Amino acid sequence: MKAVVTVTANAQTIIFGNNIATGVDNATLEGAVTGHKLPAVTLEAEALTAGTHAINVTDATIVDASNKDVTDNYEISYVDGTL
């Protein structure tokens, strides 16, 4: 049985025409074993107009304290952020 975790894109505010911040500091990992962390995640947003849009989060990688990829040990739920 896999452990269940949630990866959430953090809300961001940008000036129209600029890009969102995409580093792992802009996403939150919840429910992982102590010492496990999120070294990679994909964040994307398509803001063709001014206003509120979703920041889509996908493709999370989770590693243990030795930086060994343990992503397959988790069932990952993704929660989009708000732009």
C-alpha atoms as a PDB file:
ATOM      1  CA  MET A   1       0.000   0.000   0.000  1.00  0.00           C
ATOM      2  CA  LYS A   2       1.334   3.415  -0.971  1.00  0.00           C
ATOM      3  CA  ALA A   3       1.378   6.380   1.370  1.00  0.00           C
ATOM      4  CA  VAL A   4      -0.886   9.231   0.282  1.00  0.00           C
ATOM      5  CA  VAL A   5       0.630  12.701  -0.138  1.00  0.00           C
ATOM      6  CA  THR A   6      -0.568  15.988  -1.536  1.00  0.00           C
ATOM      7  CA  VAL A   7       1.458  18.379  -3.675  1.00  0.00           C
ATOM      8  CA  THR A   8      -0.048  21.858  -3.830  1.00  0.00           C
ATOM      9  CA  ALA A   9       0.994  24.748  -6.066  1.00  0.00           C
ATOM     10  CA  ASN A  10       1.376  27.889  -3.980  1.00  0.00           C
ATOM     11  CA  ALA A  11      -0.708  30.916  -4.982  1.00  0.00           C
ATOM     12  CA  GLN A  12       1.176  33.581  -6.909  1.00  0.00           C
ATOM     13  CA  THR A  13       0.619  37.106  -8.138  1.00  0.00           C
ATOM     14  CA  ILE A  14       2.387  38.335 -11.262  1.00  0.00           C
ATOM     15  CA  ILE A  15       2.255  41.326 -13.543  1.00  0.00           C
ATOM     16  CA  PHE A  16       0.357  40.408 -16.720  1.00  0.00           C
ATOM     17  CA  GLY A  17       2.773  39.171 -19.362  1.00  0.00           C
ATOM     18  CA  ASN A  18       5.350  37.861 -16.867  1.00  0.00           C
ATOM     19  CA  ASN A  19       5.985  34.181 -16.117  1.00  0.00           C
ATOM     20  CA  ILE A  20       5.115  32.368 -12.911  1.00  0.00           C
ATOM     21  CA  ALA A  21       7.856  31.180 -10.572  1.00  0.00           C
ATOM     22  CA  THR A  22       8.385  27.468 -11.207  1.00  0.00           C
ATOM     23  CA  GLY A  23      10.882  26.254  -8.594  1.00  0.00           C
ATOM     24  CA  VAL A  24      10.058  23.702  -5.900  1.00  0.00           C
ATOM     25  CA  ASP A  25       9.841  26.558  -3.392  1.00  0.00           C
ATOM     26  CA  ASN A  26       6.535  27.373  -5.088  1.00  0.00           C
ATOM     27  CA  ALA A  27       4.917  24.048  -4.192  1.00  0.00           C
ATOM     28  CA  THR A  28       4.166  22.312  -0.911  1.00  0.00           C
ATOM     29  CA  LEU A  29       4.487  18.597  -0.093  1.00  0.00           C
ATOM     30  CA  GLU A  30       2.172  17.344   2.673  1.00  0.00           C
ATOM     31  CA  GLY A  31       1.938  13.898   4.229  1.00  0.00           C
ATOM     32  CA  ALA A  32       5.384  12.562   3.309  1.00  0.00           C
ATOM     33  CA  VAL A  33       7.578  10.567   5.660  1.00  0.00           C
ATOM     34  CA  THR A  34       9.895  12.745   7.763  1.00  0.00           C
ATOM     35  CA  GLY A  35      13.059  13.470   5.779  1.00  0.00           C
ATOM     36  CA  HIS A  36      11.409  13.008   2.394  1.00  0.00           C
ATOM     37  CA  LYS A  37      11.346  16.096   0.206  1.00  0.00           C
ATOM     38  CA  LEU A  38      10.259  17.480  -3.137  1.00  0.00           C
ATOM     39  CA  PRO A  39      13.269  18.193  -5.406  1.00  0.00           C
ATOM     40  CA  ALA A  40      11.299  18.519  -8.649  1.00  0.00           C
ATOM     41  CA  VAL A  41       7.798  19.473  -9.734  1.00  0.00           C
ATOM     42  CA  THR A  42       6.225  21.014 -12.832  1.00  0.00           C
ATOM     43  CA  LEU A  43       4.199  24.221 -12.446  1.00  0.00           C
ATOM     44  CA  GLU A  44       2.396  25.728 -15.423  1.00  0.00           C
ATOM     45  CA  ALA A  45      -0.163  28.461 -15.936  1.00  0.00           C
ATOM     46  CA  GLU A  46      -1.789  29.779 -19.070  1.00  0.00           C
ATOM     47  CA  ALA A  47      -2.877  33.335 -18.465  1.00  0.00           C
ATOM     48  CA  LEU A  48      -3.931  34.740 -21.818  1.00  0.00           C
ATOM     49  CA  THR A  49      -5.953  37.473 -20.158  1.00  0.00           C
ATOM     50  CA  ALA A  50      -5.731  39.433 -16.928  1.00  0.00           C
ATOM     51  CA  GLY A  51      -7.640  37.875 -14.049  1.00  0.00           C
ATOM     52  CA  THR A  52      -7.601  34.735 -11.929  1.00  0.00           C
ATOM     53  CA  HIS A  53      -6.203  31.523 -13.403  1.00  0.00           C
ATOM     54  CA  ALA A  54      -5.055  28.088 -12.223  1.00  0.00           C
ATOM     55  CA  ILE A  55      -1.436  27.121 -11.624  1.00  0.00           C
ATOM     56  CA  ASN A  56      -1.324  23.468 -12.652  1.00  0.00           C
ATOM     57  CA  VAL A  57       1.003  21.208 -10.695  1.00  0.00           C
ATOM     58  CA  THR A  58       2.193  17.826 -12.051  1.00  0.00           C
ATOM     59  CA  ASP A  59       5.170  15.473 -12.268  1.00  0.00           C
ATOM     60  CA  ALA A  60       6.351  15.615  -8.655  1.00  0.00           C
ATOM     61  CA  THR A  61       9.467  13.696  -7.657  1.00  0.00           C
ATOM     62  CA  ILE A  62       9.956  12.714  -4.017  1.00  0.00           C
ATOM     63  CA  VAL A  63      13.318  11.669  -2.561  1.00  0.00           C
ATOM     64  CA  ASP A  64      14.444  10.392   0.829  1.00  0.00           C
ATOM     65  CA  ALA A  65      17.148  11.915   3.043  1.00  0.00           C
ATOM     66  CA  SER A  66      19.806  10.197   0.894  1.00  0.00           C
ATOM     67  CA  ASN A  67      18.289  11.730  -2.263  1.00  0.00           C
ATOM     68  CA  LYS A  68      17.076   8.304  -3.448  1.00  0.00           C
ATOM     69  CA  ASP A  69      13.948   8.579  -5.607  1.00  0.00           C
ATOM     70  CA  VAL A  70      11.041   7.164  -3.570  1.00  0.00           C
ATOM     71  CA  THR A  71       8.226   8.604  -5.701  1.00  0.00           C
ATOM     72  CA  ASP A  72       6.853   5.115  -6.438  1.00  0.00           C
ATOM     73  CA  ASN A  73       6.152   4.653  -2.702  1.00  0.00           C
ATOM     74  CA  TYR A  74       3.532   7.404  -2.815  1.00  0.00           C
ATOM     75  CA  GLU A  75       0.083   7.983  -4.252  1.00  0.00           C
ATOM     76  CA  ILE A  76       0.253  11.665  -5.151  1.00  0.00           C
ATOM     77  CA  SER A  77      -2.735  13.996  -5.233  1.00  0.00           C
ATOM     78  CA  TYR A  78      -2.227  17.338  -6.925  1.00  0.00           C
ATOM     79  CA  VAL A  79      -3.937  20.607  -5.948  1.00  0.00           C
ATOM     80  CA  ASP A  80      -3.670  23.513  -8.360  1.00  0.00           C
ATOM     81  CA  GLY A  81      -2.758  26.946  -7.064  1.00  0.00           C
ATOM     82  CA  THR A  82      -4.295  30.297  -7.913  1.00  0.00           C
ATOM     83  CA  LEU A  83      -2.725  32.921 -10.119  1.00  0.00           C
END
